[in-house]
Amino acid sequence: MPERSTGPLFVIGGAEDKLRKRAVLAAFVRAAGGAQARIAVIPTASSLGPEVVDLYHSVFTRLGAAAVIGLRPEDRRQANDPAYAEQLGSATAIFMTGGNQLKLSGVIAGTTFGEAIKQAHRRGIPVGGTSAGASIQSSHMVAFGVGGTTPKQRMTQVAAGLGLVEGCVIDQHFDQRNRYGRLLMIVSESPHLLGIGVDEDTAAVISHTDDGDRIDVIGRGAVTIFDGSDMVTNAHEAGRNRPIMASGVRLHVLPAGAAFSMQRRELLRSSPGDSYLAPTGVSDLASTGKDLRKLARDIAAGDVSPANLRRRVQRRRKQ
């Protein structure tokens, strides 16, 4: 029996509020240890430079964290350098930014650094990630694909994630970018996988309990779950780019306060009650400047084309 993970996972759907209530990030800082928090930020997926770490440093320290460090392996050689992994040893939490999830997986999955993240998680260290940093947490990861409501053959590709949580596939920016079809396509092709779609400014907080892994929802949107345990599908014979039949899929749409058992695949709680780290308002960032707001919008773009992001950053620097 493999050793079970004990640290909570913050699976954030992207575009989390960084300037006002910041409910999702505030909950993450509390889980990281509050005033004793030392958060390692991993921006490998991002096409932006040091400013992405600067932004999260500003947000996390204003929310009470003691320290924020940036760790950015850019290739597998660096990710296999023990010096990177050793720096995770002093962290009380790990946070992976948005960007290109295939780059993130290609650089760190199966490396010394990737294993250090998994070991930290097994020790009880909270691991969070937004957008690309959310997708990589599951055993199976959406690499790229198109939006749309109807599942169609070959509308997305799947790659291996870090496997911090097994038996599922995670997608992000879910409702905002209409990713129902591509997540349904994956579940149709692998009905044993639980499909988890997370909206923007929303987190599925996954924790291990005596009854197995559970999801608690915090934030402004919802977490959508596709359970294909009893589904009927023609995915094995559907032609290229053709619609896929997906009949009998169990659908769960879970707003803030809801809780869900991943083992039993059933609702545990439908109202806020004693929800995990229930979102609370905190004071606005009155001193947050114009540049910080522009950068926050860039990062909120998540997995938008890196070329587009670079052009946007260059335009901002010329202003």
Protein backbone atom coordinates (compact mmCIF):
# COMPACT_ATOMS: atom_id res chain seq x y z
CA MET A 1 0.00 0.00 0.00
CA PRO A 2 1.61 3.33 -1.02
CA GLU A 3 2.14 6.02 1.59
CA ARG A 4 -0.84 8.37 1.64
CA SER A 5 -0.56 12.10 1.16
CA THR A 6 -1.33 14.17 4.22
CA GLY A 7 -0.88 17.80 3.17
CA PRO A 8 -3.86 19.70 1.74
CA LEU A 9 -3.89 20.50 -1.97
CA PHE A 10 -5.19 23.87 -3.16
CA VAL A 11 -6.36 23.32 -6.73
CA ILE A 12 -7.12 26.85 -7.97
CA GLY A 13 -8.90 27.45 -11.26
CA GLY A 14 -6.86 30.52 -12.20
CA ALA A 15 -7.47 34.30 -12.06
CA GLU A 16 -7.70 34.19 -8.27
CA ASP A 17 -8.41 37.56 -6.66
CA LYS A 18 -5.07 39.14 -5.71
CA LEU A 19 -6.21 42.70 -5.01
CA ARG A 20 -9.38 42.76 -2.92
CA LYS A 21 -10.81 40.03 -0.66
CA ARG A 22 -8.31 37.41 -1.87
CA ALA A 23 -10.31 34.68 -0.11
CA VAL A 24 -8.57 31.77 -1.86
CA LEU A 25 -5.01 33.03 -1.35
CA ALA A 26 -5.79 34.07 2.24
CA ALA A 27 -6.94 30.51 2.96
CA PHE A 28 -3.72 29.17 1.44
CA VAL A 29 -1.57 31.44 3.62
CA ARG A 30 -3.46 30.29 6.73
CA ALA A 31 -2.86 26.66 5.78
CA ALA A 32 0.83 27.49 5.19
CA GLY A 33 1.21 28.67 8.79
CA GLY A 34 0.06 32.28 8.76
CA ALA A 35 2.67 34.52 10.36
CA GLN A 36 5.18 31.61 10.32
CA ALA A 37 4.54 30.77 6.66
CA ARG A 38 7.54 30.38 4.36
CA ILE A 39 6.12 29.85 0.87
CA ALA A 40 8.13 28.54 -2.08
CA VAL A 41 6.73 29.93 -5.34
CA ILE A 42 7.48 27.91 -8.49
CA PRO A 43 6.91 30.04 -11.65
CA THR A 44 8.33 27.54 -14.17
CA ALA A 45 5.09 27.45 -16.18
CA SER A 46 4.97 31.22 -16.65
CA SER A 47 6.38 33.08 -19.65
CA LEU A 48 6.82 36.15 -17.45
CA GLY A 49 10.09 37.01 -15.72
CA PRO A 50 10.91 37.72 -12.05
CA GLU A 51 7.83 39.93 -11.78
CA VAL A 52 5.57 36.90 -11.33
CA VAL A 53 7.38 36.00 -8.10
CA ASP A 54 7.37 39.68 -7.09
CA LEU A 55 3.60 39.75 -7.38
CA TYR A 56 3.02 36.67 -5.24
CA HIS A 57 5.64 37.91 -2.76
CA SER A 58 3.65 41.13 -2.41
CA VAL A 59 0.30 39.35 -2.02
CA PHE A 60 1.43 36.57 0.33
CA THR A 61 3.41 38.88 2.65
CA ARG A 62 0.52 41.35 2.82
CA LEU A 63 -1.66 38.41 3.83
CA GLY A 64 0.72 37.72 6.72
CA ALA A 65 3.31 35.23 5.40
CA ALA A 66 6.78 35.60 6.89
CA ALA A 67 8.77 34.84 3.74
CA VAL A 68 8.35 34.02 0.04
CA ILE A 69 11.11 32.48 -2.05
CA GLY A 70 11.16 31.88 -5.81
CA LEU A 71 12.42 28.56 -7.21
CA ARG A 72 12.45 28.36 -10.99
CA PRO A 73 14.06 25.36 -12.68
CA GLU A 74 13.89 26.03 -16.43
CA ASP A 75 14.91 22.61 -17.73
CA ARG A 76 15.27 19.04 -16.52
CA ARG A 77 18.97 19.45 -15.82
CA GLN A 78 18.21 22.20 -13.33
CA ALA A 79 15.24 20.26 -11.93
CA ASN A 80 17.59 17.36 -11.19
CA ASP A 81 20.06 19.64 -9.38
CA PRO A 82 19.81 18.72 -5.66
CA ALA A 83 20.28 22.40 -4.74
CA TYR A 84 16.76 23.21 -5.99
CA ALA A 85 15.17 20.34 -4.08
CA GLU A 86 17.05 21.22 -0.88
CA GLN A 87 15.53 24.69 -0.83
CA LEU A 88 12.07 23.14 -0.55
CA GLY A 89 13.11 21.60 2.76
CA SER A 90 12.57 24.84 4.69
CA ALA A 91 9.26 25.74 3.04
CA THR A 92 5.99 25.46 4.96
CA ALA A 93 4.02 25.54 1.69
CA ILE A 94 4.59 25.26 -2.07
CA PHE A 95 2.76 27.28 -4.71
CA MET A 96 2.93 26.74 -8.50
CA THR A 97 1.90 29.63 -10.75
CA GLY A 98 -0.09 29.60 -13.97
CA GLY A 99 1.25 29.48 -17.50
CA ASN A 100 1.94 26.49 -19.74
CA GLN A 101 1.18 23.24 -17.91
CA LEU A 102 2.93 21.10 -20.53
CA LYS A 103 6.14 23.05 -19.93
CA LEU A 104 5.70 22.68 -16.17
CA SER A 105 5.19 18.93 -16.46
CA GLY A 106 7.99 18.53 -18.99
CA VAL A 107 10.48 20.30 -16.72
CA ILE A 108 9.69 18.91 -13.25
CA ALA A 109 7.70 15.66 -13.50
CA GLY A 110 9.91 12.66 -12.76
CA THR A 111 12.87 14.78 -11.58
CA THR A 112 14.56 15.27 -8.22
CA PHE A 113 12.68 18.54 -7.83
CA GLY A 114 9.32 16.97 -8.70
CA GLU A 115 9.95 14.16 -6.21
CA ALA A 116 10.83 16.74 -3.54
CA ILE A 117 7.42 18.37 -4.05
CA LYS A 118 5.73 14.99 -3.61
CA GLN A 119 7.78 14.21 -0.51
CA ALA A 120 6.92 17.59 1.00
CA HIS A 121 3.26 16.87 0.34
CA ARG A 122 3.55 13.48 2.05
CA ARG A 123 5.10 15.20 5.09
CA GLY A 124 1.99 17.35 5.39
CA ILE A 125 3.18 20.49 3.57
CA PRO A 126 0.31 22.28 1.76
CA VAL A 127 0.76 22.42 -2.01
CA GLY A 128 -1.18 24.94 -4.07
CA GLY A 129 -1.31 25.81 -7.72
CA THR A 130 -3.30 28.06 -9.98
CA SER A 131 -4.24 27.36 -13.62
CA ALA A 132 -1.28 25.29 -14.93
CA GLY A 133 -0.22 24.78 -11.31
CA ALA A 134 -3.63 23.25 -10.65
CA SER A 135 -3.71 20.87 -13.61
CA ILE A 136 -0.33 19.33 -12.83
CA GLN A 137 -1.42 18.18 -9.37
CA SER A 138 -3.52 15.29 -10.70
CA SER A 139 -2.27 11.94 -11.99
CA HIS A 140 -3.54 12.78 -15.51
CA MET A 141 -3.17 16.31 -16.83
CA VAL A 142 -4.83 18.26 -19.63
CA ALA A 143 -1.88 19.26 -21.81
CA PHE A 144 -3.75 21.56 -24.23
CA GLY A 145 -6.97 21.63 -26.24
CA VAL A 146 -9.90 23.69 -27.44
CA GLY A 147 -13.04 24.81 -25.64
CA GLY A 148 -16.62 23.83 -26.36
CA THR A 149 -19.61 22.20 -24.71
CA THR A 150 -19.84 19.00 -26.80
CA PRO A 151 -17.17 16.33 -26.24
CA LYS A 152 -15.42 15.52 -29.51
CA GLN A 153 -12.71 13.06 -30.41
CA ARG A 154 -9.22 14.57 -30.23
CA MET A 155 -10.31 17.96 -28.89
CA THR A 156 -7.63 17.72 -26.19
CA GLN A 157 -4.45 15.89 -25.27
CA VAL A 158 -3.51 14.33 -21.94
CA ALA A 159 -0.08 14.14 -20.29
CA ALA A 160 1.20 12.80 -16.98
CA GLY A 161 0.90 15.10 -13.98
CA LEU A 162 2.73 14.99 -10.65
CA GLY A 163 0.19 12.57 -9.22
CA LEU A 164 -0.29 14.38 -5.91
CA VAL A 165 -3.88 13.17 -6.15
CA GLU A 166 -4.61 9.93 -8.00
CA GLY A 167 -7.51 8.75 -10.12
CA CYS A 168 -8.59 12.11 -11.50
CA VAL A 169 -7.96 14.70 -14.18
CA ILE A 170 -8.15 18.43 -13.39
CA ASP A 171 -9.06 21.30 -15.71
CA GLN A 172 -9.05 25.02 -14.89
CA HIS A 173 -10.66 28.31 -16.03
CA PHE A 174 -13.49 25.81 -16.41
CA ASP A 175 -16.74 27.71 -16.88
CA GLN A 176 -15.09 30.93 -18.08
CA ARG A 177 -13.45 29.18 -21.06
CA ASN A 178 -16.20 26.61 -21.66
CA ARG A 179 -14.08 23.51 -21.07
CA TYR A 180 -16.96 21.12 -20.43
CA GLY A 181 -16.49 19.25 -23.69
CA ARG A 182 -12.79 18.54 -23.35
CA LEU A 183 -13.10 17.27 -19.77
CA LEU A 184 -16.02 15.08 -20.82
CA MET A 185 -13.92 13.73 -23.68
CA ILE A 186 -11.22 12.60 -21.26
CA VAL A 187 -13.75 11.01 -18.89
CA SER A 188 -15.42 9.28 -21.85
CA GLU A 189 -12.09 7.76 -22.87
CA SER A 190 -11.14 6.87 -19.28
CA PRO A 191 -14.38 6.48 -17.27
CA HIS A 192 -12.49 5.42 -14.13
CA LEU A 193 -11.04 8.94 -13.84
CA LEU A 194 -12.95 11.56 -11.90
CA GLY A 195 -13.15 14.73 -14.01
CA ILE A 196 -12.70 17.89 -11.91
CA GLY A 197 -13.26 21.32 -13.47
CA VAL A 198 -12.43 24.37 -11.33
CA ASP A 199 -13.74 27.87 -12.06
CA GLU A 200 -11.65 31.02 -11.79
CA ASP A 201 -11.14 32.54 -8.31
CA THR A 202 -12.17 29.18 -6.87
CA ALA A 203 -10.29 26.36 -5.17
CA ALA A 204 -10.97 22.69 -4.70
CA VAL A 205 -9.17 22.00 -1.42
CA ILE A 206 -8.32 18.29 -1.38
CA SER A 207 -7.46 16.76 1.98
CA HIS A 208 -7.00 13.21 3.25
CA THR A 209 -9.30 12.03 6.03
CA ASP A 210 -9.95 8.67 7.70
CA ASP A 211 -12.71 8.18 5.12
CA GLY A 212 -10.45 8.97 2.15
CA ASP A 213 -9.78 12.08 0.07
CA ARG A 214 -12.38 14.83 0.10
CA ILE A 215 -12.91 18.09 -1.74
CA ASP A 216 -13.98 21.29 0.03
CA VAL A 217 -14.87 24.24 -2.19
CA ILE A 218 -13.90 27.83 -1.42
CA GLY A 219 -14.00 30.96 -3.53
CA ARG A 220 -16.35 32.78 -5.85
CA GLY A 221 -17.23 30.12 -8.45
CA ALA A 222 -17.87 26.39 -8.48
CA VAL A 223 -16.17 23.04 -8.89
CA THR A 224 -17.76 20.79 -11.53
CA ILE A 225 -17.28 17.03 -11.24
CA PHE A 226 -17.95 14.38 -13.91
CA ASP A 227 -18.29 10.82 -12.61
CA GLY A 228 -18.28 8.34 -15.49
CA SER A 229 -18.44 5.16 -13.36
CA ASP A 230 -21.67 3.97 -15.00
CA MET A 231 -21.51 5.86 -18.29
CA VAL A 232 -22.15 4.53 -21.77
CA THR A 233 -19.88 5.93 -24.48
CA ASN A 234 -18.77 5.33 -28.05
CA ALA A 235 -15.38 6.98 -27.51
CA HIS A 236 -13.57 3.87 -28.75
CA GLU A 237 -15.17 4.11 -32.19
CA ALA A 238 -15.98 7.81 -32.68
CA GLY A 239 -14.24 9.24 -35.73
CA ARG A 240 -11.74 12.07 -35.66
CA ASN A 241 -13.29 15.37 -34.50
CA ARG A 242 -16.70 13.71 -34.24
CA PRO A 243 -19.03 14.13 -31.23
CA ILE A 244 -18.66 11.49 -28.54
CA MET A 245 -21.64 9.89 -26.84
CA ALA A 246 -21.53 10.39 -23.06
CA SER A 247 -24.67 8.94 -21.47
CA GLY A 248 -25.21 8.32 -17.79
CA VAL A 249 -22.47 10.64 -16.54
CA ARG A 250 -23.12 11.82 -12.99
CA LEU A 251 -22.76 15.59 -12.69
CA HIS A 252 -21.94 17.51 -9.51
CA VAL A 253 -21.71 21.31 -9.46
CA LEU A 254 -20.34 22.37 -6.10
CA PRO A 255 -20.31 26.02 -4.93
CA ALA A 256 -18.39 27.40 -1.94
CA GLY A 257 -19.13 25.46 1.24
CA ALA A 258 -19.89 22.15 -0.47
CA ALA A 259 -17.87 19.03 0.30
CA PHE A 260 -17.46 15.87 -1.78
CA SER A 261 -16.01 12.41 -1.13
CA MET A 262 -13.63 11.35 -3.91
CA GLN A 263 -13.70 7.73 -2.77
CA ARG A 264 -17.47 7.32 -2.45
CA ARG A 265 -18.07 9.88 -5.22
CA GLU A 266 -20.92 11.50 -3.34
CA LEU A 267 -21.87 14.80 -1.76
CA LEU A 268 -20.87 15.17 1.89
CA ARG A 269 -22.18 18.67 2.60
CA SER A 270 -24.19 21.14 0.57
CA SER A 271 -24.11 24.21 2.85
CA PRO A 272 -21.21 26.19 4.30
CA GLY A 273 -21.39 24.64 7.77
CA ASP A 274 -17.86 23.92 8.98
CA SER A 275 -16.31 24.21 5.54
CA TYR A 276 -12.53 23.87 5.34
CA LEU A 277 -10.90 27.26 5.76
CA ALA A 278 -14.10 29.13 4.89
CA PRO A 279 -13.33 32.28 2.90
CA THR A 280 -13.10 35.48 4.93
CA GLY A 281 -12.72 39.05 3.77
CA VAL A 282 -9.49 40.91 4.50
CA SER A 283 -8.60 44.56 4.04
CA ASP A 284 -8.10 45.88 0.53
CA LEU A 285 -4.59 46.45 -0.77
CA ALA A 286 -4.89 50.22 -0.66
CA SER A 287 -1.28 50.70 -1.62
CA THR A 288 -1.35 48.33 -4.58
CA GLY A 289 -0.16 50.30 -7.59
CA LYS A 290 -1.13 50.47 -11.22
CA ASP A 291 1.74 48.19 -12.35
CA LEU A 292 0.72 45.48 -9.89
CA ARG A 293 -2.83 45.52 -11.23
CA LYS A 294 -1.63 45.18 -14.82
CA LEU A 295 0.67 42.32 -13.87
CA ALA A 296 -2.15 40.58 -12.01
CA ARG A 297 -4.23 40.67 -15.19
CA ASP A 298 -1.32 39.14 -17.16
CA ILE A 299 -0.99 36.28 -14.69
CA ALA A 300 -4.75 35.82 -14.58
CA ALA A 301 -4.56 35.08 -18.28
CA GLY A 302 -3.23 31.68 -17.24
CA ASP A 303 -2.43 29.52 -20.24
CA VAL A 304 -2.86 32.20 -22.89
CA SER A 305 -0.25 32.02 -25.65
CA PRO A 306 3.21 32.89 -24.25
CA ALA A 307 3.85 35.03 -27.33
CA ASN A 308 0.77 37.14 -26.56
CA LEU A 309 1.87 37.53 -22.95
CA ARG A 310 5.37 38.60 -23.98
CA ARG A 311 3.94 41.23 -26.33
CA ARG A 312 1.67 42.49 -23.55
CA VAL A 313 4.56 42.81 -21.11
CA GLN A 314 6.71 44.59 -23.71
CA ARG A 315 3.91 47.09 -24.42
CA ARG A 316 3.57 47.78 -20.70
CA ARG A 317 7.31 48.41 -20.32
CA LYS A 318 7.22 50.98 -23.15
CA GLN A 319 4.44 52.98 -21.49
